[in-house]
Amino acid sequence: MSTNIETLRQLAHLARLEFDPAKEQEMLKDLNNILDWVDQLRQLDTQNVEPLVHISEELNVMREDVAQNTVRHEDALRLAPRKDSDYFRVPKVME
């Protein structure tokens, strides 16, 4: 399977990519190499192959998620660049 320069330009437009004319031919060659490789994969017999869910059989060991107050409210306010009584003052982000 291969594609042409017009298809590459259409894909670039959809992906919001811009190529200079010198790079278009290089990108077209790379795209055709990828498509040829996918065609080779399609020829493989995967009838009795189980879908791969994880690369390894190792499991993540997770710690228990326990809420803790590590910084006291007063200490955090003391370190804040701007504060207003018990609250942090931040720049307005919405009109």
PDB file of N, CA and C in Angstrom:
ATOM      1  N   MET A   1       0.845  -1.173   0.000  1.00  0.00           N
ATOM      2  CA  MET A   1       0.000   0.000   0.000  1.00  0.00           C
ATOM      3  C   MET A   1       0.892   1.238   0.000  1.00  0.00           C
ATOM      4  N   SER A   2       0.541   2.205  -0.800  1.00  0.00           N
ATOM      5  CA  SER A   2       1.289   3.455  -0.812  1.00  0.00           C
ATOM      6  C   SER A   2       0.309   4.605  -1.017  1.00  0.00           C
ATOM      7  N   THR A   3       0.789   5.781  -0.768  1.00  0.00           N
ATOM      8  CA  THR A   3      -0.054   6.962  -0.886  1.00  0.00           C
ATOM      9  C   THR A   3       0.679   7.996  -1.736  1.00  0.00           C
ATOM     10  N   ASN A   4      -0.015   9.075  -2.087  1.00  0.00           N
ATOM     11  CA  ASN A   4       0.582  10.096  -2.940  1.00  0.00           C
ATOM     12  C   ASN A   4       0.695  11.421  -2.198  1.00  0.00           C
ATOM     13  N   ILE A   5       1.255  12.409  -2.867  1.00  0.00           N
ATOM     14  CA  ILE A   5       1.531  13.701  -2.248  1.00  0.00           C
ATOM     15  C   ILE A   5       0.245  14.424  -1.860  1.00  0.00           C
ATOM     16  N   GLU A   6      -0.820  14.237  -2.628  1.00  0.00           N
ATOM     17  CA  GLU A   6      -2.092  14.899  -2.304  1.00  0.00           C
ATOM     18  C   GLU A   6      -2.678  14.355  -1.010  1.00  0.00           C
ATOM     19  N   THR A   7      -2.587  13.044  -0.801  1.00  0.00           N
ATOM     20  CA  THR A   7      -3.069  12.446   0.448  1.00  0.00           C
ATOM     21  C   THR A   7      -2.242  12.940   1.620  1.00  0.00           C
ATOM     22  N   LEU A   8      -0.923  13.039   1.426  1.00  0.00           N
ATOM     23  CA  LEU A   8      -0.063  13.559   2.476  1.00  0.00           C
ATOM     24  C   LEU A   8      -0.449  14.989   2.836  1.00  0.00           C
ATOM     25  N   ARG A   9      -0.707  15.810   1.840  1.00  0.00           N
ATOM     26  CA  ARG A   9      -1.105  17.200   2.095  1.00  0.00           C
ATOM     27  C   ARG A   9      -2.442  17.271   2.822  1.00  0.00           C
ATOM     28  N   GLN A  10      -3.371  16.389   2.456  1.00  0.00           N
ATOM     29  CA  GLN A  10      -4.671  16.371   3.126  1.00  0.00           C
ATOM     30  C   GLN A  10      -4.514  15.934   4.589  1.00  0.00           C
ATOM     31  N   LEU A  11      -3.700  14.910   4.830  1.00  0.00           N
ATOM     32  CA  LEU A  11      -3.451  14.474   6.204  1.00  0.00           C
ATOM     33  C   LEU A  11      -2.766  15.569   7.010  1.00  0.00           C
ATOM     34  N   ALA A  12      -1.814  16.257   6.395  1.00  0.00           N
ATOM     35  CA  ALA A  12      -1.124  17.346   7.079  1.00  0.00           C
ATOM     36  C   ALA A  12      -2.110  18.456   7.438  1.00  0.00           C
ATOM     37  N   HIS A  13      -3.027  18.751   6.532  1.00  0.00           N
ATOM     38  CA  HIS A  13      -4.036  19.776   6.813  1.00  0.00           C
ATOM     39  C   HIS A  13      -4.917  19.358   7.987  1.00  0.00           C
ATOM     40  N   LEU A  14      -5.367  18.112   7.988  1.00  0.00           N
ATOM     41  CA  LEU A  14      -6.231  17.627   9.071  1.00  0.00           C
ATOM     42  C   LEU A  14      -5.504  17.615  10.409  1.00  0.00           C
ATOM     43  N   ALA A  15      -4.203  17.333  10.379  1.00  0.00           N
ATOM     44  CA  ALA A  15      -3.409  17.285  11.606  1.00  0.00           C
ATOM     45  C   ALA A  15      -2.835  18.651  11.966  1.00  0.00           C
ATOM     46  N   ARG A  16      -3.152  19.655  11.173  1.00  0.00           N
ATOM     47  CA  ARG A  16      -2.654  21.025  11.390  1.00  0.00           C
ATOM     48  C   ARG A  16      -1.116  21.061  11.368  1.00  0.00           C
ATOM     49  N   LEU A  17      -0.544  20.340  10.382  1.00  0.00           N
ATOM     50  CA  LEU A  17       0.903  20.323  10.195  1.00  0.00           C
ATOM     51  C   LEU A  17       1.253  21.087   8.931  1.00  0.00           C
ATOM     52  N   GLU A  18       2.425  21.656   8.919  1.00  0.00           N
ATOM     53  CA  GLU A  18       2.910  22.341   7.728  1.00  0.00           C
ATOM     54  C   GLU A  18       4.292  21.804   7.386  1.00  0.00           C
ATOM     55  N   PHE A  19       4.470  21.418   6.118  1.00  0.00           N
ATOM     56  CA  PHE A  19       5.758  20.940   5.640  1.00  0.00           C
ATOM     57  C   PHE A  19       6.237  21.871   4.548  1.00  0.00           C
ATOM     58  N   ASP A  20       7.528  22.162   4.549  1.00  0.00           N
ATOM     59  CA  ASP A  20       8.050  22.916   3.419  1.00  0.00           C
ATOM     60  C   ASP A  20       8.204  21.935   2.263  1.00  0.00           C
ATOM     61  N   PRO A  21       8.173  22.417   1.037  1.00  0.00           N
ATOM     62  CA  PRO A  21       8.214  21.510  -0.127  1.00  0.00           C
ATOM     63  C   PRO A  21       9.396  20.556  -0.129  1.00  0.00           C
ATOM     64  N   ALA A  22      10.508  20.961   0.439  1.00  0.00           N
ATOM     65  CA  ALA A  22      11.671  20.071   0.471  1.00  0.00           C
ATOM     66  C   ALA A  22      11.435  18.869   1.386  1.00  0.00           C
ATOM     67  N   LYS A  23      10.660  19.060   2.444  1.00  0.00           N
ATOM     68  CA  LYS A  23      10.414  17.977   3.406  1.00  0.00           C
ATOM     69  C   LYS A  23       9.236  17.092   2.997  1.00  0.00           C
ATOM     70  N   GLU A  24       8.368  17.567   2.087  1.00  0.00           N
ATOM     71  CA  GLU A  24       7.190  16.775   1.709  1.00  0.00           C
ATOM     72  C   GLU A  24       7.583  15.411   1.147  1.00  0.00           C
ATOM     73  N   GLN A  25       8.574  15.387   0.255  1.00  0.00           N
ATOM     74  CA  GLN A  25       8.990  14.117  -0.351  1.00  0.00           C
ATOM     75  C   GLN A  25       9.568  13.168   0.697  1.00  0.00           C
ATOM     76  N   GLU A  26      10.303  13.715   1.636  1.00  0.00           N
ATOM     77  CA  GLU A  26      10.856  12.893   2.712  1.00  0.00           C
ATOM     78  C   GLU A  26       9.738  12.323   3.589  1.00  0.00           C
ATOM     79  N   MET A  27       8.754  13.159   3.904  1.00  0.00           N
ATOM     80  CA  MET A  27       7.619  12.698   4.715  1.00  0.00           C
ATOM     81  C   MET A  27       6.799  11.665   3.950  1.00  0.00           C
ATOM     82  N   LEU A  28       6.612  11.864   2.656  1.00  0.00           N
ATOM     83  CA  LEU A  28       5.871  10.905   1.838  1.00  0.00           C
ATOM     84  C   LEU A  28       6.578   9.554   1.831  1.00  0.00           C
ATOM     85  N   LYS A  29       7.899   9.571   1.708  1.00  0.00           N
ATOM     86  CA  LYS A  29       8.672   8.325   1.732  1.00  0.00           C
ATOM     87  C   LYS A  29       8.509   7.625   3.083  1.00  0.00           C
ATOM     88  N   ASP A  30       8.601   8.385   4.181  1.00  0.00           N
ATOM     89  CA  ASP A  30       8.440   7.804   5.522  1.00  0.00           C
ATOM     90  C   ASP A  30       7.035   7.237   5.714  1.00  0.00           C
ATOM     91  N   LEU A  31       6.028   7.968   5.268  1.00  0.00           N
ATOM     92  CA  LEU A  31       4.645   7.494   5.399  1.00  0.00           C
ATOM     93  C   LEU A  31       4.447   6.196   4.622  1.00  0.00           C
ATOM     94  N   ASN A  32       4.985   6.132   3.409  1.00  0.00           N
ATOM     95  CA  ASN A  32       4.853   4.907   2.611  1.00  0.00           C
ATOM     96  C   ASN A  32       5.604   3.742   3.255  1.00  0.00           C
ATOM     97  N   ASN A  33       6.737   4.008   3.894  1.00  0.00           N
ATOM     98  CA  ASN A  33       7.451   2.946   4.614  1.00  0.00           C
ATOM     99  C   ASN A  33       6.610   2.417   5.771  1.00  0.00           C
ATOM    100  N   ILE A  34       5.943   3.311   6.491  1.00  0.00           N
ATOM    101  CA  ILE A  34       5.076   2.899   7.600  1.00  0.00           C
ATOM    102  C   ILE A  34       3.916   2.063   7.081  1.00  0.00           C
ATOM    103  N   LEU A  35       3.291   2.513   6.002  1.00  0.00           N
ATOM    104  CA  LEU A  35       2.155   1.768   5.441  1.00  0.00           C
ATOM    105  C   LEU A  35       2.581   0.400   4.919  1.00  0.00           C
ATOM    106  N   ASP A  36       3.771   0.305   4.338  1.00  0.00           N
ATOM    107  CA  ASP A  36       4.287  -1.000   3.886  1.00  0.00           C
ATOM    108  C   ASP A  36       4.510  -1.931   5.075  1.00  0.00           C
ATOM    109  N   TRP A  37       5.007  -1.397   6.161  1.00  0.00           N
ATOM    110  CA  TRP A  37       5.226  -2.202   7.360  1.00  0.00           C
ATOM    111  C   TRP A  37       3.896  -2.711   7.919  1.00  0.00           C
ATOM    112  N   VAL A  38       2.864  -1.852   7.932  1.00  0.00           N
ATOM    113  CA  VAL A  38       1.541  -2.268   8.400  1.00  0.00           C
ATOM    114  C   VAL A  38       0.989  -3.365   7.495  1.00  0.00           C
ATOM    115  N   ASP A  39       1.212  -3.264   6.196  1.00  0.00           N
ATOM    116  CA  ASP A  39       0.782  -4.326   5.280  1.00  0.00           C
ATOM    117  C   ASP A  39       1.462  -5.648   5.607  1.00  0.00           C
ATOM    118  N   GLN A  40       2.741  -5.605   5.973  1.00  0.00           N
ATOM    119  CA  GLN A  40       3.433  -6.831   6.364  1.00  0.00           C
ATOM    120  C   GLN A  40       2.804  -7.422   7.619  1.00  0.00           C
ATOM    121  N   LEU A  41       2.421  -6.576   8.561  1.00  0.00           N
ATOM    122  CA  LEU A  41       1.783  -7.074   9.783  1.00  0.00           C
ATOM    123  C   LEU A  41       0.429  -7.707   9.498  1.00  0.00           C
ATOM    124  N   ARG A  42      -0.285  -7.182   8.528  1.00  0.00           N
ATOM    125  CA  ARG A  42      -1.599  -7.740   8.175  1.00  0.00           C
ATOM    126  C   ARG A  42      -1.490  -9.165   7.639  1.00  0.00           C
ATOM    127  N   GLN A  43      -0.350  -9.510   7.081  1.00  0.00           N
ATOM    128  CA  GLN A  43      -0.171 -10.839   6.507  1.00  0.00           C
ATOM    129  C   GLN A  43       0.074 -11.911   7.566  1.00  0.00           C
ATOM    130  N   LEU A  44       0.373 -11.508   8.794  1.00  0.00           N
ATOM    131  CA  LEU A  44       0.640 -12.476   9.855  1.00  0.00           C
ATOM    132  C   LEU A  44      -0.640 -13.165  10.304  1.00  0.00           C
ATOM    133  N   ASP A  45      -0.516 -14.449  10.633  1.00  0.00           N
ATOM    134  CA  ASP A  45      -1.649 -15.207  11.151  1.00  0.00           C
ATOM    135  C   ASP A  45      -1.743 -14.976  12.659  1.00  0.00           C
ATOM    136  N   THR A  46      -2.760 -14.271  13.088  1.00  0.00           N
ATOM    137  CA  THR A  46      -2.954 -13.970  14.515  1.00  0.00           C
ATOM    138  C   THR A  46      -4.193 -14.678  15.061  1.00  0.00           C
ATOM    139  N   GLN A  47      -4.602 -15.734  14.406  1.00  0.00           N
ATOM    140  CA  GLN A  47      -5.822 -16.453  14.780  1.00  0.00           C
ATOM    141  C   GLN A  47      -5.800 -16.927  16.233  1.00  0.00           C
ATOM    142  N   ASN A  48      -4.680 -17.520  16.665  1.00  0.00           N
ATOM    143  CA  ASN A  48      -4.615 -18.101  18.005  1.00  0.00           C
ATOM    144  C   ASN A  48      -3.774 -17.271  18.970  1.00  0.00           C
ATOM    145  N   VAL A  49      -3.621 -15.998  18.691  1.00  0.00           N
ATOM    146  CA  VAL A  49      -2.823 -15.123  19.545  1.00  0.00           C
ATOM    147  C   VAL A  49      -3.758 -14.344  20.462  1.00  0.00           C
ATOM    148  N   GLU A  50      -3.504 -14.458  21.763  1.00  0.00           N
ATOM    149  CA  GLU A  50      -4.312 -13.731  22.741  1.00  0.00           C
ATOM    150  C   GLU A  50      -3.993 -12.241  22.680  1.00  0.00           C
ATOM    151  N   PRO A  51      -4.975 -11.376  22.855  1.00  0.00           N
ATOM    152  CA  PRO A  51      -4.683  -9.938  22.889  1.00  0.00           C
ATOM    153  C   PRO A  51      -3.765  -9.602  24.053  1.00  0.00           C
ATOM    154  N   LEU A  52      -2.841  -8.695  23.826  1.00  0.00           N
ATOM    155  CA  LEU A  52      -1.887  -8.280  24.848  1.00  0.00           C
ATOM    156  C   LEU A  52      -2.488  -7.127  25.640  1.00  0.00           C
ATOM    157  N   VAL A  53      -2.646  -7.341  26.927  1.00  0.00           N
ATOM    158  CA  VAL A  53      -3.200  -6.308  27.790  1.00  0.00           C
ATOM    159  C   VAL A  53      -2.079  -5.539  28.470  1.00  0.00           C
ATOM    160  N   HIS A  54      -1.063  -6.250  28.955  1.00  0.00           N
ATOM    161  CA  HIS A  54       0.074  -5.633  29.631  1.00  0.00           C
ATOM    162  C   HIS A  54       1.362  -6.184  29.039  1.00  0.00           C
ATOM    163  N   ILE A  55       2.374  -5.346  28.981  1.00  0.00           N
ATOM    164  CA  ILE A  55       3.661  -5.776  28.451  1.00  0.00           C
ATOM    165  C   ILE A  55       4.328  -6.779  29.381  1.00  0.00           C
ATOM    166  N   SER A  56       4.268  -6.538  30.674  1.00  0.00           N
ATOM    167  CA  SER A  56       4.887  -7.460  31.625  1.00  0.00           C
ATOM    168  C   SER A  56       3.811  -7.995  32.571  1.00  0.00           C
ATOM    169  N   GLU A  57       4.183  -9.005  33.310  1.00  0.00           N
ATOM    170  CA  GLU A  57       3.237  -9.599  34.247  1.00  0.00           C
ATOM    171  C   GLU A  57       3.375  -9.011  35.640  1.00  0.00           C
ATOM    172  N   GLU A  58       4.241  -8.005  35.780  1.00  0.00           N
ATOM    173  CA  GLU A  58       4.413  -7.363  37.078  1.00  0.00           C
ATOM    174  C   GLU A  58       3.202  -6.490  37.380  1.00  0.00           C
ATOM    175  N   LEU A  59       2.872  -6.425  38.654  1.00  0.00           N
ATOM    176  CA  LEU A  59       1.757  -5.590  39.083  1.00  0.00           C
ATOM    177  C   LEU A  59       2.290  -4.390  39.844  1.00  0.00           C
ATOM    178  N   ASN A  60       1.630  -3.267  39.687  1.00  0.00           N
ATOM    179  CA  ASN A  60       2.013  -2.091  40.462  1.00  0.00           C
ATOM    180  C   ASN A  60       1.632  -2.295  41.918  1.00  0.00           C
ATOM    181  N   VAL A  61       2.554  -1.974  42.783  1.00  0.00           N
ATOM    182  CA  VAL A  61       2.268  -2.048  44.210  1.00  0.00           C
ATOM    183  C   VAL A  61       1.890  -0.645  44.645  1.00  0.00           C
ATOM    184  N   MET A  62       0.650  -0.494  45.041  1.00  0.00           N
ATOM    185  CA  MET A  62       0.144   0.820  45.416  1.00  0.00           C
ATOM    186  C   MET A  62       0.050   0.927  46.928  1.00  0.00           C
ATOM    187  N   ARG A  63       0.376   2.091  47.437  1.00  0.00           N
ATOM    188  CA  ARG A  63       0.198   2.314  48.865  1.00  0.00           C
ATOM    189  C   ARG A  63      -1.228   2.788  49.099  1.00  0.00           C
ATOM    190  N   GLU A  64      -1.686   2.641  50.281  1.00  0.00           N
ATOM    191  CA  GLU A  64      -3.027   3.092  50.650  1.00  0.00           C
ATOM    192  C   GLU A  64      -3.063   4.619  50.583  1.00  0.00           C
ATOM    193  N   ASP A  65      -4.085   5.169  49.965  1.00  0.00           N
ATOM    194  CA  ASP A  65      -4.222   6.613  49.844  1.00  0.00           C
ATOM    195  C   ASP A  65      -4.932   7.142  51.084  1.00  0.00           C
ATOM    196  N   VAL A  66      -4.157   7.770  51.952  1.00  0.00           N
ATOM    197  CA  VAL A  66      -4.688   8.271  53.207  1.00  0.00           C
ATOM    198  C   VAL A  66      -4.502   9.785  53.241  1.00  0.00           C
ATOM    199  N   ALA A  67      -5.584  10.514  53.473  1.00  0.00           N
ATOM    200  CA  ALA A  67      -5.502  11.975  53.546  1.00  0.00           C
ATOM    201  C   ALA A  67      -4.796  12.391  54.833  1.00  0.00           C
ATOM    202  N   GLN A  68      -3.869  13.328  54.699  1.00  0.00           N
ATOM    203  CA  GLN A  68      -3.132  13.817  55.848  1.00  0.00           C
ATOM    204  C   GLN A  68      -2.965  15.324  55.719  1.00  0.00           C
ATOM    205  N   ASN A  69      -2.990  16.008  56.821  1.00  0.00           N
ATOM    206  CA  ASN A  69      -2.672  17.428  56.837  1.00  0.00           C
ATOM    207  C   ASN A  69      -1.195  17.560  57.152  1.00  0.00           C
ATOM    208  N   THR A  70      -0.392  17.772  56.118  1.00  0.00           N
ATOM    209  CA  THR A  70       1.047  17.862  56.334  1.00  0.00           C
ATOM    210  C   THR A  70       1.498  19.298  56.572  1.00  0.00           C
ATOM    211  N   VAL A  71       0.740  20.270  56.065  1.00  0.00           N
ATOM    212  CA  VAL A  71       1.054  21.678  56.278  1.00  0.00           C
ATOM    213  C   VAL A  71      -0.147  22.314  56.955  1.00  0.00           C
ATOM    214  N   ARG A  72       0.115  22.976  58.051  1.00  0.00           N
ATOM    215  CA  ARG A  72      -0.993  23.636  58.748  1.00  0.00           C
ATOM    216  C   ARG A  72      -1.455  24.837  57.940  1.00  0.00           C
ATOM    217  N   HIS A  73      -2.726  25.158  58.055  1.00  0.00           N
ATOM    218  CA  HIS A  73      -3.328  26.266  57.323  1.00  0.00           C
ATOM    219  C   HIS A  73      -2.596  27.578  57.608  1.00  0.00           C
ATOM    220  N   GLU A  74      -2.262  27.813  58.834  1.00  0.00           N
ATOM    221  CA  GLU A  74      -1.588  29.059  59.208  1.00  0.00           C
ATOM    222  C   GLU A  74      -0.197  29.154  58.572  1.00  0.00           C
ATOM    223  N   ASP A  75       0.516  28.032  58.540  1.00  0.00           N
ATOM    224  CA  ASP A  75       1.850  28.026  57.944  1.00  0.00           C
ATOM    225  C   ASP A  75       1.778  28.296  56.436  1.00  0.00           C
ATOM    226  N   ALA A  76       0.809  27.703  55.767  1.00  0.00           N
ATOM    227  CA  ALA A  76       0.653  27.918  54.333  1.00  0.00           C
ATOM    228  C   ALA A  76       0.314  29.382  54.051  1.00  0.00           C
ATOM    229  N   LEU A  77      -0.577  29.963  54.838  1.00  0.00           N
ATOM    230  CA  LEU A  77      -0.920  31.373  54.642  1.00  0.00           C
ATOM    231  C   LEU A  77       0.268  32.285  54.921  1.00  0.00           C
ATOM    232  N   ARG A  78       1.074  31.930  55.887  1.00  0.00           N
ATOM    233  CA  ARG A  78       2.243  32.737  56.229  1.00  0.00           C
ATOM    234  C   ARG A  78       3.229  32.775  55.061  1.00  0.00           C
ATOM    235  N   LEU A  79       3.317  31.688  54.284  1.00  0.00           N
ATOM    236  CA  LEU A  79       4.241  31.605  53.154  1.00  0.00           C
ATOM    237  C   LEU A  79       3.654  32.158  51.859  1.00  0.00           C
ATOM    238  N   ALA A  80       2.365  32.461  51.845  1.00  0.00           N
ATOM    239  CA  ALA A  80       1.710  32.938  50.624  1.00  0.00           C
ATOM    240  C   ALA A  80       2.158  34.356  50.285  1.00  0.00           C
ATOM    241  N   PRO A  81       2.362  34.655  48.992  1.00  0.00           N
ATOM    242  CA  PRO A  81       2.758  36.014  48.629  1.00  0.00           C
ATOM    243  C   PRO A  81       1.655  37.037  48.889  1.00  0.00           C
ATOM    244  N   ARG A  82       0.394  36.628  48.717  1.00  0.00           N
ATOM    245  CA  ARG A  82      -0.729  37.526  48.988  1.00  0.00           C
ATOM    246  C   ARG A  82      -1.815  36.734  49.696  1.00  0.00           C
ATOM    247  N   LYS A  83      -2.410  37.322  50.712  1.00  0.00           N
ATOM    248  CA  LYS A  83      -3.476  36.642  51.440  1.00  0.00           C
ATOM    249  C   LYS A  83      -4.513  37.668  51.873  1.00  0.00           C
ATOM    250  N   ASP A  84      -5.693  37.164  52.199  1.00  0.00           N
ATOM    251  CA  ASP A  84      -6.800  38.007  52.652  1.00  0.00           C
ATOM    252  C   ASP A  84      -7.483  37.242  53.780  1.00  0.00           C
ATOM    253  N   SER A  85      -7.250  37.618  54.988  1.00  0.00           N
ATOM    254  CA  SER A  85      -7.704  36.939  56.206  1.00  0.00           C
ATOM    255  C   SER A  85      -7.324  35.458  56.144  1.00  0.00           C
ATOM    256  N   ASP A  86      -8.270  34.547  55.897  1.00  0.00           N
ATOM    257  CA  ASP A  86      -7.974  33.115  55.886  1.00  0.00           C
ATOM    258  C   ASP A  86      -7.845  32.533  54.481  1.00  0.00           C
ATOM    259  N   TYR A  87      -7.701  33.382  53.456  1.00  0.00           N
ATOM    260  CA  TYR A  87      -7.714  32.898  52.071  1.00  0.00           C
ATOM    261  C   TYR A  87      -6.480  33.368  51.313  1.00  0.00           C
ATOM    262  N   PHE A  88      -6.109  32.584  50.293  1.00  0.00           N
ATOM    263  CA  PHE A  88      -5.053  32.982  49.375  1.00  0.00           C
ATOM    264  C   PHE A  88      -5.632  33.951  48.358  1.00  0.00           C
ATOM    265  N   ARG A  89      -4.893  34.988  48.008  1.00  0.00           N
ATOM    266  CA  ARG A  89      -5.310  35.907  46.953  1.00  0.00           C
ATOM    267  C   ARG A  89      -4.557  35.524  45.687  1.00  0.00           C
ATOM    268  N   VAL A  90      -5.317  35.322  44.623  1.00  0.00           N
ATOM    269  CA  VAL A  90      -4.723  34.948  43.324  1.00  0.00           C
ATOM    270  C   VAL A  90      -5.242  35.902  42.256  1.00  0.00           C
ATOM    271  N   PRO A  91      -4.530  36.027  41.136  1.00  0.00           N
ATOM    272  CA  PRO A  91      -5.014  36.892  40.059  1.00  0.00           C
ATOM    273  C   PRO A  91      -6.331  36.362  39.490  1.00  0.00           C
ATOM    274  N   LYS A  92      -7.151  37.287  39.058  1.00  0.00           N
ATOM    275  CA  LYS A  92      -8.436  36.936  38.451  1.00  0.00           C
ATOM    276  C   LYS A  92      -8.179  36.240  37.127  1.00  0.00           C
ATOM    277  N   VAL A  93      -8.823  35.077  36.909  1.00  0.00           N
ATOM    278  CA  VAL A  93      -8.609  34.331  35.673  1.00  0.00           C
ATOM    279  C   VAL A  93      -9.860  34.289  34.793  1.00  0.00           C
ATOM    280  N   MET A  94     -10.994  34.673  35.324  1.00  0.00           N
ATOM    281  CA  MET A  94     -12.242  34.675  34.543  1.00  0.00           C
ATOM    282  C   MET A  94     -12.894  36.046  34.680  1.00  0.00           C
ATOM    283  N   GLU A  95     -13.535  36.441  33.621  1.00  0.00           N
ATOM    284  CA  GLU A  95     -14.245  37.731  33.661  1.00  0.00           C
ATOM    285  C   GLU A  95     -15.559  37.580  34.397  1.00  0.00           C
TER     286      GLU A  95
END
